[in-house]
PDB file of N, CA and C in Angstrom:
ATOM      1  N   MET A   1      36.206  -1.902 135.086  1.00  0.00           N
ATOM      2  CA  MET A   1      35.847  -3.278 134.822  1.00  0.00           C
ATOM      3  C   MET A   1      36.810  -4.149 135.559  1.00  0.00           C
ATOM      4  N   ARG A   2      36.149  -5.260 136.161  1.00  0.00           N
ATOM      5  CA  ARG A   2      37.460  -6.189 136.800  1.00  0.00           C
ATOM      6  C   ARG A   2      38.317  -6.766 135.824  1.00  0.00           C
ATOM      7  N   LEU A   3      39.636  -6.917 136.203  1.00  0.00           N
ATOM      8  CA  LEU A   3      40.499  -7.751 135.494  1.00  0.00           C
ATOM      9  C   LEU A   3      40.282  -8.951 134.802  1.00  0.00           C
ATOM     10  N   ASP A   4      39.607  -9.848 135.647  1.00  0.00           N
ATOM     11  CA  ASP A   4      39.391 -11.137 135.071  1.00  0.00           C
ATOM     12  C   ASP A   4      38.117 -11.003 133.960  1.00  0.00           C
ATOM     13  N   LYS A   5      37.165 -10.197 134.253  1.00  0.00           N
ATOM     14  CA  LYS A   5      36.144  -9.885 133.040  1.00  0.00           C
ATOM     15  C   LYS A   5      36.652  -9.424 131.860  1.00  0.00           C
ATOM     16  N   PHE A   6      37.827  -8.208 131.929  1.00  0.00           N
ATOM     17  CA  PHE A   6      38.413  -7.785 130.969  1.00  0.00           C
ATOM     18  C   PHE A   6      39.217  -8.921 130.187  1.00  0.00           C
ATOM     19  N   LEU A   7      39.939  -9.724 130.786  1.00  0.00           N
ATOM     20  CA  LEU A   7      40.738 -10.654 130.204  1.00  0.00           C
ATOM     21  C   LEU A   7      39.672 -11.663 129.324  1.00  0.00           C
ATOM     22  N   LYS A   8      38.395 -12.028 129.885  1.00  0.00           N
ATOM     23  CA  LYS A   8      37.505 -12.663 129.016  1.00  0.00           C
ATOM     24  C   LYS A   8      36.864 -12.057 127.891  1.00  0.00           C
ATOM     25  N   VAL A   9      36.292 -10.884 128.065  1.00  0.00           N
ATOM     26  CA  VAL A   9      35.471 -10.100 127.243  1.00  0.00           C
ATOM     27  C   VAL A   9      36.649  -9.625 126.014  1.00  0.00           C
ATOM     28  N   SER A  10      37.693  -9.274 126.066  1.00  0.00           N
ATOM     29  CA  SER A  10      38.734  -9.019 125.262  1.00  0.00           C
ATOM     30  C   SER A  10      39.218 -10.409 124.388  1.00  0.00           C
ATOM     31  N   ARG A  11      38.878 -11.600 125.039  1.00  0.00           N
ATOM     32  CA  ARG A  11      39.519 -12.895 124.486  1.00  0.00           C
ATOM     33  C   ARG A  11      40.802 -13.160 124.666  1.00  0.00           C
ATOM     34  N   ILE A  12      41.562 -12.405 125.483  1.00  0.00           N
ATOM     35  CA  ILE A  12      42.789 -12.817 125.704  1.00  0.00           C
ATOM     36  C   ILE A  12      42.931 -14.052 126.504  1.00  0.00           C
ATOM     37  N   ILE A  13      41.949 -14.502 127.332  1.00  0.00           N
ATOM     38  CA  ILE A  13      41.782 -15.600 127.991  1.00  0.00           C
ATOM     39  C   ILE A  13      40.437 -16.056 127.812  1.00  0.00           C
ATOM     40  N   LYS A  14      40.012 -17.337 127.351  1.00  0.00           N
ATOM     41  CA  LYS A  14      38.913 -17.746 126.853  1.00  0.00           C
ATOM     42  C   LYS A  14      37.653 -17.857 127.972  1.00  0.00           C
ATOM     43  N   ARG A  15      37.890 -18.082 129.018  1.00  0.00           N
ATOM     44  CA  ARG A  15      37.011 -18.332 130.217  1.00  0.00           C
ATOM     45  C   ARG A  15      37.547 -17.384 131.272  1.00  0.00           C
ATOM     46  N   ARG A  16      36.340 -17.011 132.290  1.00  0.00           N
ATOM     47  CA  ARG A  16      36.498 -16.208 133.436  1.00  0.00           C
ATOM     48  C   ARG A  16      37.231 -16.734 134.395  1.00  0.00           C
ATOM     49  N   THR A  17      36.715 -18.047 134.533  1.00  0.00           N
ATOM     50  CA  THR A  17      37.495 -18.822 135.463  1.00  0.00           C
ATOM     51  C   THR A  17      38.910 -19.198 135.383  1.00  0.00           C
ATOM     52  N   VAL A  18      39.166 -19.302 134.270  1.00  0.00           N
ATOM     53  CA  VAL A  18      40.812 -19.426 133.950  1.00  0.00           C
ATOM     54  C   VAL A  18      41.557 -18.177 134.159  1.00  0.00           C
ATOM     55  N   ALA A  19      40.849 -17.168 133.829  1.00  0.00           N
ATOM     56  CA  ALA A  19      41.388 -15.709 134.229  1.00  0.00           C
ATOM     57  C   ALA A  19      41.518 -15.634 135.654  1.00  0.00           C
ATOM     58  N   ASN A  20      40.369 -16.127 136.305  1.00  0.00           N
ATOM     59  CA  ASN A  20      40.501 -15.888 137.946  1.00  0.00           C
ATOM     60  C   ASN A  20      41.711 -16.944 138.484  1.00  0.00           C
ATOM     61  N   GLU A  21      41.798 -17.994 137.939  1.00  0.00           N
ATOM     62  CA  GLU A  21      42.926 -18.962 138.215  1.00  0.00           C
ATOM     63  C   GLU A  21      44.146 -18.238 138.112  1.00  0.00           C
ATOM     64  N   ALA A  22      44.573 -17.685 136.820  1.00  0.00           N
ATOM     65  CA  ALA A  22      45.731 -16.943 136.658  1.00  0.00           C
ATOM     66  C   ALA A  22      45.965 -15.963 137.450  1.00  0.00           C
ATOM     67  N   CYS A  23      45.194 -15.437 137.783  1.00  0.00           N
ATOM     68  CA  CYS A  23      45.281 -14.099 138.872  1.00  0.00           C
ATOM     69  C   CYS A  23      45.554 -14.520 140.236  1.00  0.00           C
ATOM     70  N   ASP A  24      44.915 -15.422 140.557  1.00  0.00           N
ATOM     71  CA  ASP A  24      45.262 -16.070 141.976  1.00  0.00           C
ATOM     72  C   ASP A  24      46.673 -16.728 142.165  1.00  0.00           C
ATOM     73  N   ALA A  25      47.082 -17.188 140.996  1.00  0.00           N
ATOM     74  CA  ALA A  25      48.268 -17.925 140.917  1.00  0.00           C
ATOM     75  C   ALA A  25      49.598 -16.822 140.873  1.00  0.00           C
ATOM     76  N   GLY A  26      49.206 -15.591 140.627  1.00  0.00           N
ATOM     77  CA  GLY A  26      50.239 -14.392 140.514  1.00  0.00           C
ATOM     78  C   GLY A  26      50.868 -14.544 139.243  1.00  0.00           C
ATOM     79  N   ARG A  27      50.082 -14.991 138.155  1.00  0.00           N
ATOM     80  CA  ARG A  27      50.668 -14.939 136.795  1.00  0.00           C
ATOM     81  C   ARG A  27      50.366 -13.588 135.919  1.00  0.00           C
ATOM     82  N   VAL A  28      49.331 -12.849 136.686  1.00  0.00           N
ATOM     83  CA  VAL A  28      49.071 -11.696 135.853  1.00  0.00           C
ATOM     84  C   VAL A  28      49.375 -10.425 136.646  1.00  0.00           C
ATOM     85  N   SER A  29      49.816  -9.431 136.122  1.00  0.00           N
ATOM     86  CA  SER A  29      50.375  -8.235 136.749  1.00  0.00           C
ATOM     87  C   SER A  29      49.513  -6.892 135.946  1.00  0.00           C
ATOM     88  N   LEU A  30      49.344  -5.905 136.572  1.00  0.00           N
ATOM     89  CA  LEU A  30      48.762  -4.691 135.892  1.00  0.00           C
ATOM     90  C   LEU A  30      49.852  -3.501 136.461  1.00  0.00           C
ATOM     91  N   ASN A  31      50.071  -2.882 135.427  1.00  0.00           N
ATOM     92  CA  ASN A  31      51.314  -1.798 135.616  1.00  0.00           C
ATOM     93  C   ASN A  31      52.198  -2.119 136.333  1.00  0.00           C
ATOM     94  N   GLY A  32      52.897  -3.260 136.232  1.00  0.00           N
ATOM     95  CA  GLY A  32      54.014  -3.776 136.898  1.00  0.00           C
ATOM     96  C   GLY A  32      53.763  -4.315 138.400  1.00  0.00           C
ATOM     97  N   LYS A  33      52.527  -4.512 139.061  1.00  0.00           N
ATOM     98  CA  LYS A  33      52.244  -4.938 140.057  1.00  0.00           C
ATOM     99  C   LYS A  33      51.661  -6.269 139.911  1.00  0.00           C
ATOM    100  N   THR A  34      51.558  -7.294 140.845  1.00  0.00           N
ATOM    101  CA  THR A  34      50.903  -8.461 140.616  1.00  0.00           C
ATOM    102  C   THR A  34      49.385  -8.163 141.135  1.00  0.00           C
ATOM    103  N   ALA A  35      48.488  -8.470 140.154  1.00  0.00           N
ATOM    104  CA  ALA A  35      46.935  -8.113 140.433  1.00  0.00           C
ATOM    105  C   ALA A  35      46.009  -9.488 140.804  1.00  0.00           C
ATOM    106  N   LYS A  36      45.162  -8.821 141.395  1.00  0.00           N
ATOM    107  CA  LYS A  36      44.146  -9.749 141.901  1.00  0.00           C
ATOM    108  C   LYS A  36      42.770  -9.629 140.631  1.00  0.00           C
ATOM    109  N   ALA A  37      42.125 -10.737 140.804  1.00  0.00           N
ATOM    110  CA  ALA A  37      40.996 -10.735 139.635  1.00  0.00           C
ATOM    111  C   ALA A  37      40.324  -9.547 139.939  1.00  0.00           C
ATOM    112  N   GLY A  38      39.969  -8.860 140.970  1.00  0.00           N
ATOM    113  CA  GLY A  38      38.952  -7.902 141.177  1.00  0.00           C
ATOM    114  C   GLY A  38      39.573  -6.283 141.047  1.00  0.00           C
ATOM    115  N   THR A  39      40.763  -6.511 140.564  1.00  0.00           N
ATOM    116  CA  THR A  39      41.242  -5.003 140.445  1.00  0.00           C
ATOM    117  C   THR A  39      40.890  -4.474 139.148  1.00  0.00           C
ATOM    118  N   GLU A  40      40.519  -3.096 139.298  1.00  0.00           N
ATOM    119  CA  GLU A  40      39.926  -2.436 138.285  1.00  0.00           C
ATOM    120  C   GLU A  40      40.818  -2.104 137.084  1.00  0.00           C
ATOM    121  N   VAL A  41      40.369  -2.351 135.880  1.00  0.00           N
ATOM    122  CA  VAL A  41      41.331  -2.038 134.435  1.00  0.00           C
ATOM    123  C   VAL A  41      40.959  -0.679 133.901  1.00  0.00           C
ATOM    124  N   LYS A  42      41.447   0.348 133.437  1.00  0.00           N
ATOM    125  CA  LYS A  42      41.258   1.550 132.872  1.00  0.00           C
ATOM    126  C   LYS A  42      42.124   1.540 131.612  1.00  0.00           C
ATOM    127  N   VAL A  43      41.383   2.427 130.658  1.00  0.00           N
ATOM    128  CA  VAL A  43      42.451   2.581 129.202  1.00  0.00           C
ATOM    129  C   VAL A  43      43.632   3.291 129.695  1.00  0.00           C
ATOM    130  N   GLY A  44      44.605   2.662 129.095  1.00  0.00           N
ATOM    131  CA  GLY A  44      46.099   3.178 129.240  1.00  0.00           C
ATOM    132  C   GLY A  44      46.888   1.977 130.268  1.00  0.00           C
ATOM    133  N   ASP A  45      46.382   1.118 130.899  1.00  0.00           N
ATOM    134  CA  ASP A  45      46.768   0.087 131.917  1.00  0.00           C
ATOM    135  C   ASP A  45      47.596  -0.812 130.905  1.00  0.00           C
ATOM    136  N   ILE A  46      48.809  -1.335 131.482  1.00  0.00           N
ATOM    137  CA  ILE A  46      49.660  -2.532 131.051  1.00  0.00           C
ATOM    138  C   ILE A  46      49.207  -3.734 131.680  1.00  0.00           C
ATOM    139  N   ILE A  47      48.938  -4.679 130.916  1.00  0.00           N
ATOM    140  CA  ILE A  47      48.642  -5.980 131.487  1.00  0.00           C
ATOM    141  C   ILE A  47      49.796  -6.903 130.964  1.00  0.00           C
ATOM    142  N   GLU A  48      50.535  -7.639 131.900  1.00  0.00           N
ATOM    143  CA  GLU A  48      51.378  -8.785 131.699  1.00  0.00           C
ATOM    144  C   GLU A  48      50.814  -9.825 132.311  1.00  0.00           C
ATOM    145  N   ILE A  49      50.988 -11.126 131.372  1.00  0.00           N
ATOM    146  CA  ILE A  49      50.475 -12.502 131.652  1.00  0.00           C
ATOM    147  C   ILE A  49      51.615 -13.347 131.329  1.00  0.00           C
ATOM    148  N   ARG A  50      51.940 -14.430 132.302  1.00  0.00           N
ATOM    149  CA  ARG A  50      53.037 -15.317 132.137  1.00  0.00           C
ATOM    150  C   ARG A  50      52.454 -16.560 131.836  1.00  0.00           C
ATOM    151  N   PHE A  51      52.545 -17.115 130.486  1.00  0.00           N
ATOM    152  CA  PHE A  51      52.188 -18.374 130.081  1.00  0.00           C
ATOM    153  C   PHE A  51      53.316 -19.401 130.016  1.00  0.00           C
ATOM    154  N   GLY A  52      53.685 -19.804 131.051  1.00  0.00           N
ATOM    155  CA  GLY A  52      55.048 -20.902 131.060  1.00  0.00           C
ATOM    156  C   GLY A  52      56.060 -19.845 130.829  1.00  0.00           C
ATOM    157  N   GLU A  53      56.835 -20.229 129.868  1.00  0.00           N
ATOM    158  CA  GLU A  53      58.097 -19.488 129.471  1.00  0.00           C
ATOM    159  C   GLU A  53      57.805 -18.100 128.916  1.00  0.00           C
ATOM    160  N   LYS A  54      56.573 -17.772 128.149  1.00  0.00           N
ATOM    161  CA  LYS A  54      56.122 -16.892 127.497  1.00  0.00           C
ATOM    162  C   LYS A  54      55.653 -15.672 128.318  1.00  0.00           C
ATOM    163  N   LEU A  55      55.778 -14.482 127.909  1.00  0.00           N
ATOM    164  CA  LEU A  55      55.264 -13.249 128.627  1.00  0.00           C
ATOM    165  C   LEU A  55      54.391 -12.541 127.430  1.00  0.00           C
ATOM    166  N   PHE A  56      53.136 -12.315 127.860  1.00  0.00           N
ATOM    167  CA  PHE A  56      52.098 -11.575 127.037  1.00  0.00           C
ATOM    168  C   PHE A  56      51.998 -10.188 127.507  1.00  0.00           C
ATOM    169  N   ARG A  57      52.339  -8.994 126.976  1.00  0.00           N
ATOM    170  CA  ARG A  57      52.001  -7.856 127.364  1.00  0.00           C
ATOM    171  C   ARG A  57      51.135  -7.131 126.152  1.00  0.00           C
ATOM    172  N   ALA A  58      50.154  -6.293 127.053  1.00  0.00           N
ATOM    173  CA  ALA A  58      49.426  -5.588 126.093  1.00  0.00           C
ATOM    174  C   ALA A  58      48.800  -4.188 126.820  1.00  0.00           C
ATOM    175  N   GLU A  59      48.712  -3.291 126.118  1.00  0.00           N
ATOM    176  CA  GLU A  59      48.043  -1.907 126.616  1.00  0.00           C
ATOM    177  C   GLU A  59      46.514  -2.048 126.298  1.00  0.00           C
ATOM    178  N   VAL A  60      45.848  -1.552 127.402  1.00  0.00           N
ATOM    179  CA  VAL A  60      44.321  -1.495 127.433  1.00  0.00           C
ATOM    180  C   VAL A  60      43.866  -0.233 126.548  1.00  0.00           C
ATOM    181  N   LEU A  61      43.219  -0.388 125.163  1.00  0.00           N
ATOM    182  CA  LEU A  61      42.613   0.735 124.679  1.00  0.00           C
ATOM    183  C   LEU A  61      41.123   0.914 124.842  1.00  0.00           C
ATOM    184  N   ASP A  62      40.339   0.128 125.083  1.00  0.00           N
ATOM    185  CA  ASP A  62      38.959   0.398 125.345  1.00  0.00           C
ATOM    186  C   ASP A  62      38.708  -0.728 126.568  1.00  0.00           C
ATOM    187  N   VAL A  63      37.558  -0.261 127.067  1.00  0.00           N
ATOM    188  CA  VAL A  63      36.958  -1.187 128.404  1.00  0.00           C
ATOM    189  C   VAL A  63      35.475  -1.183 127.812  1.00  0.00           C
ATOM    190  N   ALA A  64      34.948  -2.270 127.483  1.00  0.00           N
ATOM    191  CA  ALA A  64      33.480  -2.294 127.106  1.00  0.00           C
ATOM    192  C   ALA A  64      32.762  -3.497 127.749  1.00  0.00           C
ATOM    193  N   GLU A  65      31.631  -3.630 128.254  1.00  0.00           N
ATOM    194  CA  GLU A  65      30.891  -5.009 128.706  1.00  0.00           C
ATOM    195  C   GLU A  65      30.748  -6.035 127.663  1.00  0.00           C
ATOM    196  N   HIS A  66      30.325  -5.664 126.486  1.00  0.00           N
ATOM    197  CA  HIS A  66      29.924  -6.603 125.609  1.00  0.00           C
ATOM    198  C   HIS A  66      30.629  -6.335 124.093  1.00  0.00           C
ATOM    199  N   VAL A  67      31.204  -7.192 123.394  1.00  0.00           N
ATOM    200  CA  VAL A  67      31.779  -6.988 122.313  1.00  0.00           C
ATOM    201  C   VAL A  67      31.812  -8.233 121.427  1.00  0.00           C
ATOM    202  N   SER A  68      31.813  -7.959 120.102  1.00  0.00           N
ATOM    203  CA  SER A  68      31.847  -9.082 119.071  1.00  0.00           C
ATOM    204  C   SER A  68      33.428  -9.656 118.966  1.00  0.00           C
ATOM    205  N   LYS A  69      33.563 -10.685 118.459  1.00  0.00           N
ATOM    206  CA  LYS A  69      34.678 -11.160 118.234  1.00  0.00           C
ATOM    207  C   LYS A  69      35.662 -10.280 117.485  1.00  0.00           C
ATOM    208  N   GLN A  70      35.184  -9.770 116.464  1.00  0.00           N
ATOM    209  CA  GLN A  70      35.963  -8.883 115.769  1.00  0.00           C
ATOM    210  C   GLN A  70      36.274  -7.641 116.415  1.00  0.00           C
ATOM    211  N   GLN A  71      35.266  -7.036 117.490  1.00  0.00           N
ATOM    212  CA  GLN A  71      35.821  -5.980 118.143  1.00  0.00           C
ATOM    213  C   GLN A  71      36.721  -6.166 119.282  1.00  0.00           C
ATOM    214  N   ALA A  72      36.811  -7.384 119.823  1.00  0.00           N
ATOM    215  CA  ALA A  72      37.722  -7.875 120.920  1.00  0.00           C
ATOM    216  C   ALA A  72      39.280  -7.606 120.704  1.00  0.00           C
ATOM    217  N   ASN A  73      39.621  -7.728 119.428  1.00  0.00           N
ATOM    218  CA  ASN A  73      41.040  -7.501 119.231  1.00  0.00           C
ATOM    219  C   ASN A  73      41.475  -5.985 119.206  1.00  0.00           C
ATOM    220  N   GLU A  74      40.281  -5.148 119.321  1.00  0.00           N
ATOM    221  CA  GLU A  74      40.474  -3.749 119.338  1.00  0.00           C
ATOM    222  C   GLU A  74      40.676  -3.121 120.733  1.00  0.00           C
ATOM    223  N   MET A  75      40.334  -3.779 121.684  1.00  0.00           N
ATOM    224  CA  MET A  75      40.193  -3.533 123.213  1.00  0.00           C
ATOM    225  C   MET A  75      41.615  -3.323 123.648  1.00  0.00           C
ATOM    226  N   TYR A  76      42.635  -4.087 122.997  1.00  0.00           N
ATOM    227  CA  TYR A  76      44.013  -4.034 123.494  1.00  0.00           C
ATOM    228  C   TYR A  76      45.007  -3.948 122.323  1.00  0.00           C
ATOM    229  N   ASN A  77      46.186  -3.457 122.734  1.00  0.00           N
ATOM    230  CA  ASN A  77      47.410  -3.476 121.616  1.00  0.00           C
ATOM    231  C   ASN A  77      48.457  -4.215 122.327  1.00  0.00           C
ATOM    232  N   THR A  78      48.777  -5.436 121.598  1.00  0.00           N
ATOM    233  CA  THR A  78      50.130  -6.214 122.007  1.00  0.00           C
ATOM    234  C   THR A  78      51.299  -5.479 122.156  1.00  0.00           C
ATOM    235  N   ILE A  79      52.203  -5.574 122.996  1.00  0.00           N
ATOM    236  CA  ILE A  79      53.466  -4.859 123.067  1.00  0.00           C
ATOM    237  C   ILE A  79      54.695  -6.171 122.944  1.00  0.00           C
ATOM    238  N   LEU A  80      55.240  -5.669 122.255  1.00  0.00           N
ATOM    239  CA  LEU A  80      56.413  -6.859 121.807  1.00  0.00           C
ATOM    240  C   LEU A  80      57.529  -6.562 122.923  1.00  0.00           C
TER     241      LEU A  80
END
């Protein structure tokens, strides 16, 4: 699954266009490398997103095309 779509489906970022913009701006990295929106996401990958001063880190637990709001939180595990 594409990174921008994963961010939207998992509800880490609300809109796919916003996810695209974050990737284009270089604020998203996958496994320690700056990632583009089309980068493939797999189970076990580590995603880092910089929101201003804050850093969000998560491990991908599941990759699914369509999920409910309740299941979206189960697609990743937040890393402190």
